[in-house]
């Protein structure tokens, strides 16, 4: 995988993800909603279920329509520390000039989550302020309060060992 490659897959569940300290909480929420034949709702995503170890690596994104935009509602403290800035409250189109290629990937992936309404897992590399590539994987889930329209995306991020 080159530093700018991202691998995106539909998420159907896996033991590896379920046992991850940073991703497992979201896997459990997704599986519970699936067993009930519904999408994940905001009420499903509670800090108590996320847990203190995973909370610093959570990202919550609001989906705005007309025009469609993605606003960062919450960026976990570990991710803020790693990137050197807190982008909470900013939209991805505001960040476009700063994060060019990665930003295009994120918008495409967020569109896919919003349009298809199914969780995705992706792995990639991000270039951070300390001038090193950081490998990560992310479980991202569309959230809907009415069971139809995606109004939020919740993501659990896990930093992976080693360099790309």
Protein backbone atom coordinates (compact mmCIF):
# COMPACT_ATOMS: atom_id res chain seq x y z
CA UNK A 1 0.00 0.00 0.00
CA UNK A 2 1.42 3.37 -0.96
CA UNK A 3 1.09 6.24 1.51
CA UNK A 4 -1.93 7.65 -0.29
CA UNK A 5 -3.83 4.38 -0.81
CA UNK A 6 -7.10 3.81 1.00
CA UNK A 7 -8.85 0.44 1.10
CA UNK A 8 -12.63 0.68 1.60
CA UNK A 9 -14.96 -2.28 2.15
CA UNK A 10 -18.56 -2.83 3.15
CA UNK A 11 -18.63 -3.86 6.81
CA UNK A 12 -20.48 -7.03 7.67
CA UNK A 13 -18.78 -7.79 10.97
CA UNK A 14 -15.55 -9.49 11.95
CA UNK A 15 -14.03 -10.98 15.08
CA UNK A 16 -10.95 -8.84 14.64
CA UNK A 17 -12.97 -5.63 14.71
CA UNK A 18 -15.34 -6.87 17.43
CA UNK A 19 -12.37 -7.55 19.72
CA UNK A 20 -10.68 -4.20 19.07
CA UNK A 21 -10.68 -1.84 22.06
CA UNK A 22 -11.26 1.16 19.76
CA UNK A 23 -13.64 -0.35 17.19
CA UNK A 24 -15.53 -3.04 19.09
CA UNK A 25 -18.07 -0.72 20.71
CA UNK A 26 -19.32 0.43 17.29
CA UNK A 27 -19.39 -3.14 15.98
CA UNK A 28 -21.66 -4.11 18.90
CA UNK A 29 -24.02 -1.19 18.17
CA UNK A 30 -24.14 -2.05 14.45
CA UNK A 31 -24.82 -5.74 15.12
CA UNK A 32 -27.59 -4.94 17.65
CA UNK A 33 -29.34 -2.61 15.16
CA UNK A 34 -28.97 -5.16 12.35
CA UNK A 35 -30.49 -7.90 14.53
CA UNK A 36 -33.52 -5.62 14.96
CA UNK A 37 -33.68 -4.87 11.21
CA UNK A 38 -32.97 -1.16 11.51
CA UNK A 39 -30.29 1.47 11.07
CA UNK A 40 -28.23 2.73 13.96
CA UNK A 41 -29.89 5.76 15.62
CA UNK A 42 -28.47 8.61 17.70
CA UNK A 43 -29.96 7.01 20.81
CA UNK A 44 -27.75 3.95 20.20
CA UNK A 45 -24.53 5.95 20.39
CA UNK A 46 -24.02 6.75 24.07
CA UNK A 47 -20.75 7.59 25.83
CA UNK A 48 -21.30 4.71 28.28
CA UNK A 49 -21.28 2.26 25.36
CA UNK A 50 -18.22 3.84 23.78
CA UNK A 51 -16.10 3.63 26.91
CA UNK A 52 -13.19 5.73 28.14
CA UNK A 53 -10.48 3.98 26.11
CA UNK A 54 -12.21 4.46 22.76
CA UNK A 55 -13.73 7.92 23.34
CA UNK A 56 -10.51 9.81 22.36
CA UNK A 57 -10.62 8.19 18.89
CA UNK A 58 -14.29 8.82 18.06
CA UNK A 59 -15.39 11.12 15.25
CA UNK A 60 -18.99 12.28 14.85
CA UNK A 61 -19.99 14.02 11.64
CA UNK A 62 -23.28 15.82 10.98
CA UNK A 63 -24.74 15.38 7.49
CA UNK A 64 -26.20 18.62 6.14
CA UNK A 65 -28.37 18.72 3.02
CA UNK A 66 -29.06 21.31 0.31
CA UNK A 67 -26.19 21.46 -0.40
CA UNK A 68 -24.77 18.30 1.11
CA UNK A 69 -21.94 19.06 3.50
CA UNK A 70 -20.27 17.16 6.29
CA UNK A 71 -19.59 19.02 9.54
CA UNK A 72 -17.28 17.62 12.20
CA UNK A 73 -19.38 17.61 15.38
CA UNK A 74 -16.77 15.83 17.51
CA UNK A 75 -13.14 14.91 16.95
CA UNK A 76 -11.65 12.75 19.69
CA UNK A 77 -8.81 14.19 21.76
CA UNK A 78 -6.26 11.57 20.63
CA UNK A 79 -6.95 12.48 17.00
CA UNK A 80 -6.71 16.21 17.77
CA UNK A 81 -3.38 15.64 19.50
CA UNK A 82 -2.07 13.61 16.57
CA UNK A 83 -3.10 16.15 13.93
CA UNK A 84 -2.11 19.20 15.96
CA UNK A 85 -5.44 20.97 15.50
CA UNK A 86 -9.07 20.64 16.48
CA UNK A 87 -11.33 20.80 13.44
CA UNK A 88 -14.53 20.39 15.45
CA UNK A 89 -17.25 22.56 13.89
CA UNK A 90 -15.58 22.76 10.48
CA UNK A 91 -16.92 21.23 7.28
CA UNK A 92 -14.92 19.01 4.96
CA UNK A 93 -15.21 21.55 2.16
CA UNK A 94 -13.56 24.13 4.46
CA UNK A 95 -10.68 21.69 4.93
CA UNK A 96 -10.26 20.94 1.21
CA UNK A 97 -7.24 23.18 0.63
CA UNK A 98 -5.44 21.86 3.69
CA UNK A 99 -5.90 18.14 3.08
CA UNK A 100 -6.38 17.84 -0.70
CA UNK A 101 -6.16 14.15 -1.63
CA UNK A 102 -7.27 12.78 1.74
CA UNK A 103 -10.19 15.21 1.82
CA UNK A 104 -11.45 14.05 -1.58
CA UNK A 105 -11.30 10.45 -0.32
CA UNK A 106 -13.21 11.35 2.85
CA UNK A 107 -15.97 13.22 1.00
CA UNK A 108 -16.37 10.31 -1.45
CA UNK A 109 -16.53 7.85 1.45
CA UNK A 110 -19.01 10.01 3.40
CA UNK A 111 -21.19 10.27 0.28
CA UNK A 112 -21.09 6.48 -0.05
CA UNK A 113 -22.09 6.04 3.62
CA UNK A 114 -24.90 8.55 3.27
CA UNK A 115 -26.26 7.23 -0.03
CA UNK A 116 -25.97 3.50 0.62
CA UNK A 117 -26.79 3.66 4.36
CA UNK A 118 -24.48 0.76 5.27
CA UNK A 119 -21.36 0.75 7.48
CA UNK A 120 -17.91 0.76 5.90
CA UNK A 121 -14.49 -0.15 7.18
CA UNK A 122 -11.45 1.45 5.65
CA UNK A 123 -7.72 1.41 6.12
CA UNK A 124 -5.33 4.07 5.03
CA UNK A 125 -2.44 6.34 5.85
CA UNK A 126 -2.55 9.93 6.95
CA UNK A 127 0.32 12.40 6.93
CA UNK A 128 0.42 14.31 10.20
CA UNK A 129 2.25 17.30 11.57
CA UNK A 130 5.27 15.34 12.77
CA UNK A 131 5.93 14.57 9.09
CA UNK A 132 5.25 10.87 9.35
CA UNK A 133 2.63 8.64 7.79
CA UNK A 134 0.28 7.12 10.33
CA UNK A 135 -1.60 3.92 9.43
CA UNK A 136 -5.13 3.59 10.70
CA UNK A 137 -8.38 1.76 10.18
CA UNK A 138 -11.79 3.22 10.68
CA UNK A 139 -15.22 1.70 11.16
CA UNK A 140 -17.79 4.25 10.00
CA UNK A 141 -21.53 3.95 10.42
CA UNK A 142 -24.43 6.00 9.06
CA UNK A 143 -26.89 7.11 11.73
CA UNK A 144 -30.55 7.91 11.18
CA UNK A 145 -33.16 9.14 13.62
CA UNK A 146 -36.06 8.42 11.27
CA UNK A 147 -34.71 5.13 9.89
CA UNK A 148 -34.46 6.56 6.37
CA UNK A 149 -32.36 9.72 6.06
CA UNK A 150 -28.77 9.66 7.25
CA UNK A 151 -28.26 12.70 9.46
CA UNK A 152 -25.03 11.74 11.19
CA UNK A 153 -22.03 9.49 10.70
CA UNK A 154 -20.20 7.96 13.63
CA UNK A 155 -16.67 6.66 13.22
CA UNK A 156 -14.35 4.67 15.44
CA UNK A 157 -10.66 5.03 14.59
CA UNK A 158 -7.82 2.70 15.46
CA UNK A 159 -4.21 3.68 14.92
CA UNK A 160 -2.20 0.75 13.61
CA UNK A 161 1.37 -0.13 14.54
CA UNK A 162 4.21 0.40 12.15
CA UNK A 163 4.82 2.71 9.24
CA UNK A 164 3.49 2.31 5.73
